[in-house]
Protein backbone atom coordinates (compact mmCIF):
# COMPACT_ATOMS: atom_id res chain seq x y z
CA UNK A 1 125.48 124.95 92.49
CA UNK A 2 125.34 121.75 93.56
CA UNK A 3 127.74 119.06 91.75
CA UNK A 4 124.91 116.01 91.64
CA UNK A 5 124.08 115.27 88.28
CA UNK A 6 120.41 115.22 88.32
CA UNK A 7 118.28 113.48 85.05
CA UNK A 8 116.61 115.88 82.78
CA UNK A 9 113.62 114.82 82.52
CA UNK A 10 112.27 112.74 86.03
CA UNK A 11 109.72 109.43 86.22
CA UNK A 12 108.11 108.77 89.03
CA UNK A 13 109.58 106.51 91.20
CA UNK A 14 113.05 107.36 90.07
CA UNK A 15 115.98 108.18 92.94
CA UNK A 16 117.06 111.19 92.82
CA UNK A 17 118.97 111.64 96.12
CA UNK A 18 119.60 111.52 99.54
CA UNK A 19 118.04 113.06 102.60
CA UNK A 20 121.31 113.39 103.72
CA UNK A 21 121.99 115.87 101.04
CA UNK A 22 118.55 117.24 100.25
CA UNK A 23 115.29 118.47 101.25
CA UNK A 24 112.80 117.09 99.40
CA UNK A 25 109.89 119.23 97.87
CA UNK A 26 107.08 118.93 95.99
CA UNK A 27 106.92 116.18 93.38
CA UNK A 28 109.28 114.25 95.74
CA UNK A 29 108.77 111.82 98.28
CA UNK A 30 111.16 109.78 100.74
CA UNK A 31 111.85 106.06 100.82
CA UNK A 32 114.42 104.29 102.83
CA UNK A 33 116.21 107.59 103.41
CA UNK A 34 116.63 108.35 99.70
CA UNK A 35 114.44 110.64 97.54
CA UNK A 36 112.48 110.03 94.63
CA UNK A 37 110.28 111.21 92.23
CA UNK A 38 106.43 111.49 92.77
CA UNK A 39 105.82 113.38 88.89
CA UNK A 40 106.94 113.05 85.91
CA UNK A 41 109.24 116.27 85.12
CA UNK A 42 112.46 117.94 85.27
CA UNK A 43 114.09 118.43 88.47
CA UNK A 44 115.08 121.58 90.69
CA UNK A 45 117.28 122.55 92.87
CA UNK A 46 116.44 125.53 95.29
CA UNK A 47 120.08 126.19 96.82
CA UNK A 48 118.23 128.94 99.37
CA UNK A 49 117.47 126.47 101.76
CA UNK A 50 119.63 124.02 103.74
CA UNK A 51 120.37 121.56 102.78
CA UNK A 52 119.44 122.58 99.20
CA UNK A 53 115.39 121.61 98.24
CA UNK A 54 114.57 118.99 95.36
CA UNK A 55 111.63 119.22 94.15
CA UNK A 56 109.62 118.45 90.43
CA UNK A 57 107.30 121.46 89.82
CA UNK A 58 103.62 119.66 88.64
CA UNK A 59 103.72 119.57 84.62
CA UNK A 60 99.95 117.78 84.41
CA UNK A 61 96.75 119.91 84.66
CA UNK A 62 95.71 122.12 83.37
CA UNK A 63 96.70 120.86 80.21
CA UNK A 64 94.60 123.64 78.48
CA UNK A 65 95.81 126.51 80.02
CA UNK A 66 98.03 129.11 77.70
CA UNK A 67 100.82 128.75 79.52
CA UNK A 68 101.81 125.70 79.15
CA UNK A 69 104.74 125.31 76.60
CA UNK A 70 104.20 123.34 73.58
CA UNK A 71 107.67 121.21 75.10
CA UNK A 72 105.71 119.98 77.61
CA UNK A 73 102.82 118.54 75.76
CA UNK A 74 103.07 116.22 72.62
CA UNK A 75 101.93 118.38 69.13
CA UNK A 76 100.22 114.48 68.14
CA UNK A 77 98.19 112.98 70.77
CA UNK A 78 99.88 109.90 72.24
CA UNK A 79 97.59 106.95 72.14
CA UNK A 80 97.51 104.24 74.66
CA UNK A 81 98.46 100.49 73.39
CA UNK A 82 98.75 97.10 74.75
CA UNK A 83 101.77 97.57 76.96
CA UNK A 84 102.13 101.10 77.45
CA UNK A 85 102.74 102.41 80.94
CA UNK A 86 100.56 105.02 81.92
CA UNK A 87 99.99 107.72 84.61
CA UNK A 88 96.90 108.90 85.82
CA UNK A 89 94.51 109.89 88.49
CA UNK A 90 91.90 107.80 90.15
CA UNK A 91 88.30 109.95 89.81
CA UNK A 92 85.87 106.84 90.42
CA UNK A 93 86.07 103.92 93.16
CA UNK A 94 83.36 101.10 92.46
CA UNK A 95 83.52 97.65 94.31
CA UNK A 96 84.45 95.90 91.83
CA UNK A 97 86.69 99.07 89.53
CA UNK A 98 88.43 101.99 89.54
CA UNK A 99 87.68 104.60 86.66
CA UNK A 100 91.13 106.49 86.05
CA UNK A 101 92.05 109.73 83.81
CA UNK A 102 95.10 108.76 81.65
CA UNK A 103 97.10 111.59 82.12
CA UNK A 104 100.89 110.67 80.35
CA UNK A 105 101.24 107.74 78.50
CA UNK A 106 104.93 106.06 77.84
CA UNK A 107 106.13 109.14 79.73
CA UNK A 108 104.10 111.62 77.26
CA UNK A 109 101.79 114.16 78.68
CA UNK A 110 98.58 113.54 76.61
CA UNK A 111 97.18 116.55 74.93
CA UNK A 112 93.64 115.18 75.62
CA UNK A 113 92.55 113.00 78.62
CA UNK A 114 91.77 109.05 78.24
CA UNK A 115 90.13 106.51 80.42
CA UNK A 116 90.97 103.87 81.77
CA UNK A 117 89.49 100.97 84.39
CA UNK A 118 91.08 99.05 86.79
CA UNK A 119 89.71 95.75 87.35
CA UNK A 120 89.50 94.20 91.14
CA UNK A 121 90.90 91.24 89.09
CA UNK A 122 93.87 93.19 87.85
CA UNK A 123 95.21 94.99 90.64
CA UNK A 124 97.62 92.52 92.24
CA UNK A 125 99.02 89.17 90.99
CA UNK A 126 98.45 87.09 93.91
CA UNK A 127 95.10 86.61 96.32
CA UNK A 128 92.82 88.51 93.55
CA UNK A 129 89.87 87.54 95.54
CA UNK A 130 90.73 88.89 98.25
CA UNK A 131 91.47 92.14 96.84
CA UNK A 132 89.01 95.11 98.20
CA UNK A 133 89.19 97.84 96.03
CA UNK A 134 88.51 100.52 99.28
CA UNK A 135 91.90 99.26 100.45
CA UNK A 136 94.07 99.78 97.14
CA UNK A 137 92.95 103.35 96.08
CA UNK A 138 91.47 105.98 96.78
CA UNK A 139 89.62 108.91 94.78
CA UNK A 140 92.30 111.85 93.74
CA UNK A 141 95.71 108.73 93.77
CA UNK A 142 97.56 108.96 90.84
CA UNK A 143 98.83 105.83 89.54
CA UNK A 144 101.15 104.08 87.43
CA UNK A 145 99.49 101.12 85.04
CA UNK A 146 99.75 99.40 82.02
CA UNK A 147 97.79 98.60 79.34
CA UNK A 148 96.29 95.37 78.95
CA UNK A 149 93.58 95.37 76.37
CA UNK A 150 92.36 98.69 74.49
CA UNK A 151 89.13 97.55 76.28
CA UNK A 152 85.59 98.71 75.22
CA UNK A 153 84.80 101.64 73.47
CA UNK A 154 85.18 104.12 76.16
CA UNK A 155 88.04 102.73 78.44
CA UNK A 156 91.62 101.27 78.25
CA UNK A 157 91.80 98.26 80.58
CA UNK A 158 94.65 99.14 82.74
CA UNK A 159 96.99 96.74 85.55
CA UNK A 160 98.91 97.24 88.65
CA UNK A 161 99.79 93.72 89.27
CA UNK A 162 103.24 94.24 89.21
CA UNK A 163 105.55 95.59 91.93
CA UNK A 164 106.57 98.95 89.84
CA UNK A 165 103.01 99.29 89.28
CA UNK A 166 100.31 101.25 91.81
CA UNK A 167 99.85 104.02 93.39
CA UNK A 168 102.97 106.59 93.04
CA UNK A 169 101.43 109.81 95.17
CA UNK A 170 98.51 109.97 97.44
CA UNK A 171 96.88 112.64 99.97
CA UNK A 172 95.62 111.89 103.04
CA UNK A 173 91.87 112.26 104.59
CA UNK A 174 93.74 115.46 106.46
CA UNK A 175 94.80 116.58 102.78
CA UNK A 176 98.80 115.78 103.19
CA UNK A 177 101.12 114.48 100.64
CA UNK A 178 101.79 110.97 101.97
CA UNK A 179 105.12 108.90 101.64
CA UNK A 180 104.94 104.92 101.27
CA UNK A 181 105.93 102.88 104.23
CA UNK A 182 105.82 99.35 103.09
CA UNK A 183 104.10 97.56 99.88
CA UNK A 184 100.25 98.22 101.13
CA UNK A 185 100.79 101.66 103.28
CA UNK A 186 101.69 105.06 102.92
CA UNK A 187 102.06 107.63 105.79
CA UNK A 188 101.03 110.99 106.34
CA UNK A 189 104.08 112.94 107.58
CA UNK A 190 102.30 115.40 109.50
CA UNK A 191 99.77 113.26 111.66
CA UNK A 192 101.54 110.06 111.45
CA UNK A 193 98.34 108.30 110.27
CA UNK A 194 99.02 105.58 108.07
CA UNK A 195 96.50 104.37 105.01
CA UNK A 196 96.31 101.38 102.84
CA UNK A 197 96.36 101.64 99.14
CA UNK A 198 98.33 99.06 96.14
CA UNK A 199 101.31 100.82 96.20
CA UNK A 200 104.01 100.86 93.28
CA UNK A 201 107.46 100.30 94.29
CA UNK A 202 109.75 102.96 93.47
CA UNK A 203 112.47 102.07 90.89
């Protein structure tokens, strides 16, 4: 068994170890030769491969399944509040905003799904007038954002206008999980194609 001490719970962006020691598995991505978590969850090492595979099991869907234990979902629903860091999935892209299904609030998996919005002016801190939603997010992207307003009666307003906020996991048009190569691009490791996103900087 590996002597590396892994955290009992990893959050997206957390550095887990070098690719010289581990093979990146599901729920992880590589940045500058280091493996980082793409999901929230408990890291697992599979020693049946060489080097051992480091992965994080998917914990988010389906939340209603009977096989999800009470330790993975809070007994009481976690309400987003101003300043909360959330993880969410992009479910709709429009010209001036994207709609987000909020799945995790302050590292607590939600028992119910909340709705959020990232407006074009809240995507990044600079050159806001030049932001193009389609070049920042795509449907299906997993993002890290911060609640900046309780919004209206249906949506929380979110921002990704900090380096550590933005897209943390994305699939390419070919359906492959990509890894970030800059603050504005992801790369498909299979096809080699790149796609633009508002990339969250790993911690």
